Structure formats: C-alpha cells, structure tokens
C-alpha cells in the first residue's frame, strides 16, 4: 500500500521558484526519492537535476536510480532539497530531518506551505512553551509581524497532493 508523501509546496513565485518543505521517513535517499519524484513531476514536470545537503542523507550518490544528476552541498546548517525541472521551475524545499518529532515536523510543513520562513532548524529545537512565547514571523509582512500561530492551523497533515489539511 502506497503512503502519502510528507511534503508541502507554496505556489509558484515570481521568479519561477517553488518553496515548501519535505519530511522524509528515512535517511535513505533512493527510497525517499521514489516516493517524492512522482508528486514533483506531476506538478512541475520532469526533474533534470538535484542539489542536496550531505548531512541529511546516509549515502551520497552522483545520480538517482533513474539517472537524474545529484550535486552535494557540504554545509550541514542548510537542510535542503533543490530540484530543477524541465518546465523551467526551481523547486527548493526545506528538508525536515527524518527523526524530527511529529508535532514539530507538522508545524514546519504547515509554515512552509504558507510561505513562513523558519531559520535554520530553530523551530525543530524549540519547546511548545518557546513557540508560544516567541512566535514565528511572516517575512512578507514585517510591519504587521503576524505570528505563524495566527495564520496557520495548529496540527496539519500533508496529503498525497502535498497540501496541508486536517491533523497529524
């Protein structure tokens, strides 16, 4: 039985870039990509190239099982997944480590779907008390300074179509 991909996507931006987040179930890149690629390709076209962070995966192949070239970034502080697709889109997803607690990962998936930027794993290391005391800020509206809690559901789940709905 196929499981849904734990990923969210923002709408295509003005420069042909898509944002979002991906929460893989393991550190096995080939297994995880087999689940993610069909969703990416259905939405954005065939994937031509991948750029990944070495620290997020156990193995570091130079290409995927289907021949897509992979380049690696050694910086462990920027967990990421960047795919260049044939339709001219660049899909840049924040990679949520596979061992992240479910509640924190769901919050970050929801924040990413809404375009809220979470700096370098900060959300993943906060406690529930920290999150309520120091809310996340929406980068597109610095004057208004809305917190993520004001604009997002508390416990989302990513469906097979990559949208955040319901509860985890």
N, C-alpha and C. Protein backbone atom coordinates (compact mmCIF):
# COMPACT_ATOMS: atom_id res chain seq x y z
N UNK A 1 0.84 -1.18 0.00
CA UNK A 1 0.00 0.00 0.00
C UNK A 1 0.89 1.25 0.00
N UNK A 2 0.65 2.16 -0.91
CA UNK A 2 1.45 3.38 -1.01
C UNK A 2 1.07 4.35 0.10
N UNK A 3 2.08 5.01 0.63
CA UNK A 3 1.83 6.01 1.65
C UNK A 3 1.93 7.39 1.02
N UNK A 4 1.35 8.38 1.68
CA UNK A 4 1.42 9.73 1.13
C UNK A 4 2.77 10.35 1.43
N UNK A 5 3.17 11.28 0.59
CA UNK A 5 4.43 11.97 0.76
C UNK A 5 4.24 13.11 1.74
N UNK A 6 5.11 13.21 2.72
CA UNK A 6 5.00 14.27 3.71
C UNK A 6 5.74 15.50 3.17
N UNK A 7 5.06 16.23 2.30
CA UNK A 7 5.64 17.41 1.67
C UNK A 7 4.55 18.45 1.46
N UNK A 8 4.95 19.71 1.51
CA UNK A 8 4.04 20.81 1.18
C UNK A 8 4.74 21.72 0.19
N UNK A 9 3.96 22.40 -0.63
CA UNK A 9 4.52 23.28 -1.66
C UNK A 9 3.81 24.63 -1.60
N UNK A 10 4.57 25.69 -1.85
CA UNK A 10 3.97 27.02 -1.98
C UNK A 10 3.65 27.22 -3.45
N UNK A 11 2.82 28.18 -3.78
CA UNK A 11 2.55 28.47 -5.20
C UNK A 11 3.83 28.94 -5.90
N UNK A 12 3.84 28.82 -7.21
CA UNK A 12 4.99 29.26 -8.00
C UNK A 12 5.20 30.75 -7.79
N UNK A 13 6.42 31.13 -7.46
CA UNK A 13 6.75 32.52 -7.19
C UNK A 13 7.04 33.31 -8.45
N UNK A 14 7.36 34.60 -8.29
CA UNK A 14 7.56 35.47 -9.44
C UNK A 14 8.77 35.11 -10.29
N UNK A 15 9.74 34.40 -9.72
CA UNK A 15 10.94 34.06 -10.48
C UNK A 15 10.96 32.58 -10.87
N UNK A 16 9.80 31.95 -10.90
CA UNK A 16 9.73 30.55 -11.29
C UNK A 16 10.24 29.60 -10.23
N UNK A 17 10.19 30.00 -8.97
CA UNK A 17 10.67 29.16 -7.88
C UNK A 17 9.49 28.70 -7.03
N UNK A 18 9.57 27.48 -6.56
CA UNK A 18 8.56 26.91 -5.68
C UNK A 18 9.24 26.64 -4.35
N UNK A 19 8.57 26.96 -3.27
CA UNK A 19 9.10 26.66 -1.95
C UNK A 19 8.28 25.58 -1.29
N UNK A 20 8.63 25.30 -0.06
CA UNK A 20 7.89 24.31 0.70
C UNK A 20 8.81 23.53 1.61
N UNK A 21 8.35 22.38 2.04
CA UNK A 21 9.14 21.53 2.93
C UNK A 21 8.86 20.07 2.63
N UNK A 22 9.82 19.23 2.99
CA UNK A 22 9.70 17.79 2.81
C UNK A 22 10.21 17.11 4.06
N UNK A 23 9.44 16.16 4.57
CA UNK A 23 9.80 15.40 5.76
C UNK A 23 9.91 13.93 5.39
N UNK A 24 11.08 13.48 4.93
CA UNK A 24 11.23 12.07 4.54
C UNK A 24 11.12 11.15 5.75
N UNK A 25 10.80 9.90 5.51
CA UNK A 25 10.65 8.92 6.58
C UNK A 25 11.98 8.30 7.01
N UNK A 26 13.02 8.41 6.17
CA UNK A 26 14.31 7.80 6.49
C UNK A 26 15.43 8.65 5.90
N UNK A 27 16.67 8.21 6.11
CA UNK A 27 17.84 8.88 5.54
C UNK A 27 18.32 8.16 4.27
N UNK A 28 17.50 7.27 3.72
CA UNK A 28 17.83 6.53 2.51
C UNK A 28 17.30 7.33 1.31
N UNK A 29 18.19 8.03 0.64
CA UNK A 29 17.80 8.94 -0.44
C UNK A 29 17.05 8.23 -1.57
N UNK A 30 17.56 7.11 -2.04
CA UNK A 30 16.94 6.45 -3.19
C UNK A 30 15.50 6.02 -2.89
N UNK A 31 15.27 5.49 -1.69
CA UNK A 31 13.91 5.08 -1.31
C UNK A 31 12.98 6.28 -1.22
N UNK A 32 13.44 7.34 -0.59
CA UNK A 32 12.60 8.53 -0.40
C UNK A 32 12.29 9.23 -1.73
N UNK A 33 13.28 9.28 -2.63
CA UNK A 33 13.04 9.93 -3.92
C UNK A 33 12.03 9.19 -4.77
N UNK A 34 11.97 7.87 -4.63
CA UNK A 34 10.98 7.09 -5.40
C UNK A 34 9.55 7.48 -5.01
N UNK A 35 9.36 7.94 -3.78
CA UNK A 35 8.03 8.42 -3.37
C UNK A 35 7.80 9.87 -3.76
N UNK A 36 8.84 10.70 -3.66
CA UNK A 36 8.68 12.13 -3.92
C UNK A 36 8.62 12.47 -5.41
N UNK A 37 9.43 11.82 -6.23
CA UNK A 37 9.52 12.18 -7.65
C UNK A 37 8.18 12.18 -8.37
N UNK A 38 7.33 11.16 -8.23
CA UNK A 38 6.05 11.20 -8.96
C UNK A 38 5.21 12.44 -8.62
N UNK A 39 5.21 12.86 -7.37
CA UNK A 39 4.44 14.06 -6.98
C UNK A 39 5.06 15.31 -7.58
N UNK A 40 6.39 15.41 -7.52
CA UNK A 40 7.08 16.57 -8.11
C UNK A 40 6.84 16.64 -9.61
N UNK A 41 7.02 15.52 -10.28
CA UNK A 41 6.91 15.52 -11.74
C UNK A 41 5.49 15.75 -12.22
N UNK A 42 4.52 15.30 -11.47
CA UNK A 42 3.12 15.55 -11.85
C UNK A 42 2.81 17.05 -11.74
N UNK A 43 3.37 17.70 -10.74
CA UNK A 43 3.08 19.13 -10.53
C UNK A 43 3.96 20.06 -11.36
N UNK A 44 5.26 19.72 -11.50
CA UNK A 44 6.22 20.69 -12.05
C UNK A 44 6.98 20.21 -13.28
N UNK A 45 6.75 19.00 -13.73
CA UNK A 45 7.47 18.48 -14.89
C UNK A 45 8.64 17.60 -14.45
N UNK A 46 9.26 16.96 -15.43
CA UNK A 46 10.37 16.05 -15.13
C UNK A 46 11.50 16.78 -14.41
N UNK A 47 12.12 16.09 -13.48
CA UNK A 47 13.24 16.64 -12.72
C UNK A 47 14.52 16.41 -13.52
N UNK A 48 15.29 17.48 -13.77
CA UNK A 48 16.53 17.39 -14.53
C UNK A 48 17.77 17.33 -13.65
N UNK A 49 17.70 17.89 -12.45
CA UNK A 49 18.89 17.96 -11.59
C UNK A 49 18.46 18.15 -10.14
N UNK A 50 19.26 17.59 -9.22
CA UNK A 50 19.02 17.75 -7.78
C UNK A 50 20.24 18.34 -7.10
N UNK A 51 20.01 19.16 -6.09
CA UNK A 51 21.08 19.68 -5.25
C UNK A 51 20.66 19.41 -3.81
N UNK A 52 21.49 18.67 -3.07
CA UNK A 52 21.13 18.24 -1.72
C UNK A 52 22.26 18.54 -0.74
N UNK A 53 21.93 18.47 0.55
CA UNK A 53 22.90 18.66 1.62
C UNK A 53 23.41 17.29 2.07
N UNK A 54 24.72 17.12 2.14
CA UNK A 54 25.32 15.84 2.53
C UNK A 54 24.88 15.36 3.91
N UNK A 55 24.73 16.28 4.84
CA UNK A 55 24.44 15.91 6.23
C UNK A 55 23.08 15.23 6.40
N UNK A 56 22.19 15.38 5.44
CA UNK A 56 20.83 14.85 5.59
C UNK A 56 20.65 13.42 5.13
N UNK A 57 21.65 12.85 4.47
CA UNK A 57 21.50 11.52 3.87
C UNK A 57 22.67 10.62 4.24
N UNK A 58 22.41 9.31 4.34
CA UNK A 58 23.46 8.35 4.68
C UNK A 58 24.40 8.09 3.51
N UNK A 59 23.88 7.94 2.31
CA UNK A 59 24.68 7.70 1.11
C UNK A 59 24.64 8.95 0.23
N UNK A 60 25.68 9.12 -0.61
CA UNK A 60 25.79 10.33 -1.44
C UNK A 60 26.06 9.97 -2.90
N UNK A 61 25.06 9.41 -3.58
CA UNK A 61 25.25 9.03 -4.99
C UNK A 61 25.36 10.27 -5.88
N UNK A 62 25.95 10.07 -7.06
CA UNK A 62 26.07 11.18 -8.02
C UNK A 62 24.87 11.26 -8.95
N UNK A 63 24.01 10.24 -8.89
CA UNK A 63 22.76 10.27 -9.66
C UNK A 63 21.72 9.39 -8.97
N UNK A 64 20.46 9.66 -9.29
CA UNK A 64 19.36 8.89 -8.70
C UNK A 64 19.20 7.58 -9.46
N UNK A 65 18.28 6.73 -8.98
CA UNK A 65 18.03 5.44 -9.63
C UNK A 65 17.59 5.61 -11.07
N UNK A 66 17.00 6.76 -11.43
CA UNK A 66 16.52 6.99 -12.80
C UNK A 66 17.43 7.91 -13.60
N UNK A 67 18.66 8.13 -13.12
CA UNK A 67 19.66 8.87 -13.89
C UNK A 67 19.70 10.37 -13.71
N UNK A 68 18.94 10.93 -12.79
CA UNK A 68 18.97 12.38 -12.55
C UNK A 68 20.25 12.73 -11.79
N UNK A 69 21.08 13.67 -12.31
CA UNK A 69 22.32 14.03 -11.63
C UNK A 69 22.06 14.68 -10.26
N UNK A 70 22.93 14.35 -9.30
CA UNK A 70 22.82 14.89 -7.94
C UNK A 70 24.13 15.60 -7.60
N UNK A 71 24.03 16.85 -7.14
CA UNK A 71 25.20 17.56 -6.61
C UNK A 71 24.99 17.73 -5.11
N UNK A 72 26.11 17.83 -4.39
CA UNK A 72 26.05 17.83 -2.92
C UNK A 72 26.66 19.08 -2.33
N UNK A 73 26.00 19.63 -1.32
CA UNK A 73 26.48 20.78 -0.57
C UNK A 73 26.95 20.29 0.79
N UNK A 74 28.18 20.62 1.20
CA UNK A 74 28.68 20.14 2.48
C UNK A 74 28.16 20.90 3.70
N UNK A 75 27.48 22.03 3.50
CA UNK A 75 27.02 22.85 4.63
C UNK A 75 25.91 22.16 5.40
N UNK A 76 26.17 21.71 6.65
CA UNK A 76 25.14 21.00 7.41
C UNK A 76 24.08 21.91 8.01
N UNK A 77 24.26 23.21 7.94
CA UNK A 77 23.32 24.14 8.57
C UNK A 77 22.17 24.55 7.66
N UNK A 78 22.17 24.08 6.44
CA UNK A 78 21.11 24.43 5.50
C UNK A 78 20.47 23.17 4.93
N UNK A 79 19.64 22.48 5.72
CA UNK A 79 19.00 21.28 5.18
C UNK A 79 18.09 21.67 4.03
N UNK A 80 18.33 21.06 2.88
CA UNK A 80 17.55 21.49 1.73
C UNK A 80 17.50 20.42 0.64
N UNK A 81 16.56 20.66 -0.24
CA UNK A 81 16.34 19.84 -1.43
C UNK A 81 16.01 20.83 -2.54
N UNK A 82 16.84 20.89 -3.57
CA UNK A 82 16.57 21.79 -4.70
C UNK A 82 16.51 20.95 -5.97
N UNK A 83 15.41 21.05 -6.68
CA UNK A 83 15.23 20.33 -7.94
C UNK A 83 15.01 21.34 -9.06
N UNK A 84 15.70 21.13 -10.17
CA UNK A 84 15.44 21.92 -11.38
C UNK A 84 14.60 21.05 -12.30
N UNK A 85 13.47 21.60 -12.70
CA UNK A 85 12.52 20.83 -13.50
C UNK A 85 12.49 21.32 -14.94
N UNK A 86 12.01 20.49 -15.85
CA UNK A 86 12.00 20.82 -17.28
C UNK A 86 11.12 21.99 -17.63
N UNK A 87 10.11 22.25 -16.87
CA UNK A 87 9.22 23.38 -17.17
C UNK A 87 9.86 24.71 -16.78
N UNK A 88 11.13 24.68 -16.39
CA UNK A 88 11.82 25.91 -16.03
C UNK A 88 11.67 26.30 -14.58
N UNK A 89 11.07 25.45 -13.79
CA UNK A 89 10.87 25.76 -12.37
C UNK A 89 12.01 25.24 -11.52
N UNK A 90 12.26 25.96 -10.46
CA UNK A 90 13.23 25.55 -9.44
C UNK A 90 12.42 25.29 -8.18
N UNK A 91 12.42 24.05 -7.71
CA UNK A 91 11.69 23.66 -6.52
C UNK A 91 12.69 23.55 -5.38
N UNK A 92 12.60 24.47 -4.42
CA UNK A 92 13.51 24.48 -3.27
C UNK A 92 12.72 24.15 -2.02
N UNK A 93 12.94 22.97 -1.48
CA UNK A 93 12.22 22.52 -0.30
C UNK A 93 13.13 22.50 0.91
N UNK A 94 12.62 22.96 2.02
CA UNK A 94 13.34 22.83 3.28
C UNK A 94 13.21 21.37 3.70
N UNK A 95 14.32 20.75 4.00
CA UNK A 95 14.30 19.34 4.38
C UNK A 95 14.20 19.23 5.90
N UNK A 96 13.15 18.61 6.35
CA UNK A 96 12.95 18.38 7.78
C UNK A 96 13.57 17.02 8.09
N UNK A 97 14.53 16.93 9.00
CA UNK A 97 15.19 15.65 9.28
C UNK A 97 14.18 14.54 9.60
N UNK A 98 14.46 13.34 9.12
CA UNK A 98 13.54 12.20 9.27
C UNK A 98 13.23 11.88 10.73
N UNK A 99 14.15 12.14 11.63
CA UNK A 99 13.95 11.79 13.04
C UNK A 99 13.27 12.90 13.85
N UNK A 100 12.77 13.91 13.18
CA UNK A 100 12.10 15.02 13.87
C UNK A 100 10.79 14.57 14.48
N UNK A 101 10.50 15.07 15.68
CA UNK A 101 9.24 14.76 16.35
C UNK A 101 8.07 15.18 15.45
N UNK A 102 7.00 14.40 15.46
CA UNK A 102 5.87 14.60 14.56
C UNK A 102 5.25 15.99 14.69
N UNK A 103 5.01 16.46 15.89
CA UNK A 103 4.36 17.75 16.07
C UNK A 103 5.20 18.88 15.46
N UNK A 104 6.50 18.88 15.75
CA UNK A 104 7.38 19.92 15.21
C UNK A 104 7.45 19.85 13.69
N UNK A 105 7.53 18.65 13.14
CA UNK A 105 7.60 18.50 11.69
C UNK A 105 6.31 18.98 11.03
N UNK A 106 5.18 18.65 11.62
CA UNK A 106 3.89 19.10 11.05
C UNK A 106 3.77 20.62 11.09
N UNK A 107 4.24 21.24 12.16
CA UNK A 107 4.22 22.71 12.23
C UNK A 107 5.09 23.31 11.13
N UNK A 108 6.25 22.71 10.90
CA UNK A 108 7.12 23.26 9.88
C UNK A 108 6.57 23.01 8.47
N UNK A 109 5.96 21.87 8.23
CA UNK A 109 5.31 21.62 6.93
C UNK A 109 4.23 22.66 6.66
N UNK A 110 3.45 22.96 7.67
CA UNK A 110 2.38 23.95 7.52
C UNK A 110 2.94 25.35 7.30
N UNK A 111 3.96 25.70 8.07
CA UNK A 111 4.59 27.01 7.91
C UNK A 111 5.16 27.15 6.50
N UNK A 112 5.80 26.11 6.00
CA UNK A 112 6.38 26.16 4.66
C UNK A 112 5.31 26.31 3.58
N UNK A 113 4.19 25.63 3.75
CA UNK A 113 3.10 25.74 2.77
C UNK A 113 2.53 27.15 2.71
N UNK A 114 2.59 27.86 3.83
CA UNK A 114 2.07 29.23 3.88
C UNK A 114 3.13 30.27 3.54
N UNK A 115 4.35 29.82 3.27
CA UNK A 115 5.41 30.76 2.93
C UNK A 115 6.10 31.38 4.12
N UNK A 116 5.90 30.83 5.31
CA UNK A 116 6.57 31.34 6.51
C UNK A 116 7.96 30.74 6.56
N UNK A 117 8.97 31.57 6.69
CA UNK A 117 10.34 31.10 6.73
C UNK A 117 10.75 30.83 8.17
N UNK A 118 11.29 29.63 8.40
CA UNK A 118 11.78 29.26 9.72
C UNK A 118 13.30 29.15 9.61
N UNK A 119 14.06 30.01 10.31
CA UNK A 119 15.51 29.97 10.20
C UNK A 119 16.10 28.67 10.74
N UNK A 120 17.10 28.17 10.06
CA UNK A 120 17.91 27.01 10.41
C UNK A 120 17.51 26.18 11.61
N UNK A 121 16.59 25.29 11.43
CA UNK A 121 16.20 24.31 12.44
C UNK A 121 15.75 24.91 13.77
N UNK A 122 15.56 26.21 13.84
CA UNK A 122 15.18 26.84 15.11
C UNK A 122 13.87 26.28 15.64
N UNK A 123 12.88 26.11 14.77
CA UNK A 123 11.60 25.58 15.20
C UNK A 123 11.75 24.16 15.73
N UNK A 124 12.64 23.40 15.12
CA UNK A 124 12.78 22.00 15.50
C UNK A 124 13.38 21.82 16.88
N UNK A 125 14.06 22.83 17.41
CA UNK A 125 14.68 22.69 18.72
C UNK A 125 13.90 23.41 19.81
N UNK A 126 12.83 24.11 19.45
CA UNK A 126 12.04 24.82 20.46
C UNK A 126 11.08 23.88 21.17
N UNK A 127 10.75 24.23 22.38
CA UNK A 127 9.71 23.50 23.10
C UNK A 127 8.38 24.18 22.80
N UNK A 128 7.29 23.57 23.22
CA UNK A 128 5.97 24.16 23.00
C UNK A 128 5.86 25.51 23.69
N UNK A 129 6.48 25.66 24.87
CA UNK A 129 6.44 26.93 25.59
C UNK A 129 7.19 28.00 24.81
N UNK A 130 8.36 27.64 24.25
CA UNK A 130 9.14 28.60 23.47
C UNK A 130 8.35 29.11 22.27
N UNK A 131 7.63 28.23 21.61
CA UNK A 131 6.88 28.61 20.41
C UNK A 131 5.80 29.63 20.75
N UNK A 132 5.13 29.46 21.90
CA UNK A 132 4.09 30.41 22.25
C UNK A 132 4.68 31.73 22.74
N UNK A 133 5.86 31.69 23.35
CA UNK A 133 6.47 32.92 23.85
C UNK A 133 7.16 33.70 22.75
N UNK A 134 7.74 33.00 21.78
CA UNK A 134 8.46 33.67 20.70
C UNK A 134 7.89 33.18 19.38
N UNK A 135 6.78 33.76 18.92
CA UNK A 135 6.14 33.27 17.71
C UNK A 135 6.99 33.50 16.46
N UNK A 136 6.76 32.68 15.45
CA UNK A 136 7.42 32.83 14.17
C UNK A 136 6.91 34.09 13.48
N UNK A 137 7.72 34.66 12.64
CA UNK A 137 7.33 35.88 11.93
C UNK A 137 7.19 35.59 10.44
N UNK A 138 6.21 36.21 9.83
CA UNK A 138 5.98 36.07 8.40
C UNK A 138 6.87 37.08 7.70
N UNK A 139 7.76 36.63 6.82
CA UNK A 139 8.74 37.53 6.22
C UNK A 139 8.13 38.52 5.23
N UNK A 140 6.98 38.22 4.67
CA UNK A 140 6.37 39.12 3.69
C UNK A 140 5.66 40.31 4.33
N UNK A 141 5.41 40.27 5.63
CA UNK A 141 4.71 41.35 6.30
C UNK A 141 5.43 41.76 7.58
N UNK A 142 6.64 42.29 7.46
CA UNK A 142 7.40 42.63 8.66
C UNK A 142 6.73 43.71 9.50
N UNK A 143 6.01 44.63 8.86
CA UNK A 143 5.38 45.70 9.63
C UNK A 143 4.27 45.16 10.52
N UNK A 144 3.53 44.22 10.00
CA UNK A 144 2.41 43.67 10.76
C UNK A 144 2.87 42.62 11.77
N UNK A 145 3.95 41.90 11.43
CA UNK A 145 4.53 40.91 12.33
C UNK A 145 3.54 39.87 12.82
N UNK A 146 2.83 39.24 11.89
CA UNK A 146 1.91 38.17 12.28
C UNK A 146 2.72 36.94 12.67
N UNK A 147 2.27 36.24 13.68
CA UNK A 147 2.94 35.00 14.06
C UNK A 147 2.35 33.86 13.26
N UNK A 148 3.10 32.77 13.18
CA UNK A 148 2.62 31.59 12.46
C UNK A 148 1.38 31.02 13.12
N UNK A 149 1.27 31.14 14.43
CA UNK A 149 0.11 30.61 15.14
C UNK A 149 -1.17 31.34 14.75
N UNK A 150 -1.08 32.61 14.36
CA UNK A 150 -2.26 33.38 13.99
C UNK A 150 -2.75 33.04 12.59
N UNK A 151 -1.88 32.52 11.73
CA UNK A 151 -2.27 32.32 10.35
C UNK A 151 -2.36 30.86 9.92
N UNK A 152 -1.97 29.92 10.78
CA UNK A 152 -1.93 28.53 10.37
C UNK A 152 -2.71 27.64 11.31
N UNK A 153 -3.22 26.50 10.81
CA UNK A 153 -3.82 25.53 11.72
C UNK A 153 -2.73 24.95 12.62
N UNK A 154 -3.13 24.48 13.78
CA UNK A 154 -2.15 24.03 14.76
C UNK A 154 -1.49 22.72 14.39
N UNK A 155 -2.26 21.73 13.93
CA UNK A 155 -1.68 20.42 13.66
C UNK A 155 -2.07 19.93 12.27
N UNK A 156 -1.32 20.28 11.24
CA UNK A 156 -1.67 19.90 9.88
C UNK A 156 -1.15 18.51 9.52
N UNK A 157 -1.62 17.99 8.42
CA UNK A 157 -1.08 16.77 7.84
C UNK A 157 -0.95 16.99 6.34
N UNK A 158 0.13 16.51 5.76
CA UNK A 158 0.31 16.65 4.32
C UNK A 158 -0.39 15.49 3.62
N UNK A 159 -1.24 15.80 2.67
CA UNK A 159 -1.96 14.76 1.94
C UNK A 159 -1.13 14.29 0.77
N UNK A 160 -1.66 13.34 0.02
CA UNK A 160 -0.93 12.82 -1.13
C UNK A 160 -0.73 13.89 -2.20
N UNK A 161 -1.48 14.96 -2.15
CA UNK A 161 -1.34 16.03 -3.13
C UNK A 161 -0.44 17.15 -2.64
N UNK A 162 0.14 17.01 -1.46
CA UNK A 162 1.09 17.99 -0.98
C UNK A 162 0.47 19.18 -0.29
N UNK A 163 -0.81 19.16 0.02
CA UNK A 163 -1.44 20.27 0.71
C UNK A 163 -1.58 19.92 2.18
N UNK A 164 -1.52 20.90 3.04
CA UNK A 164 -1.64 20.67 4.47
C UNK A 164 -3.09 20.78 4.89
N UNK A 165 -3.63 19.70 5.46
CA UNK A 165 -5.01 19.70 5.92
C UNK A 165 -5.14 18.80 7.13
N UNK A 166 -6.21 18.95 7.87
CA UNK A 166 -6.53 18.03 8.97
C UNK A 166 -5.54 18.07 10.11
N UNK A 167 -5.38 16.96 10.76
CA UNK A 167 -4.44 16.87 11.88
C UNK A 167 -3.48 15.73 11.66
N UNK A 168 -2.31 15.83 12.27
CA UNK A 168 -1.30 14.78 12.16
C UNK A 168 -1.68 13.60 13.01
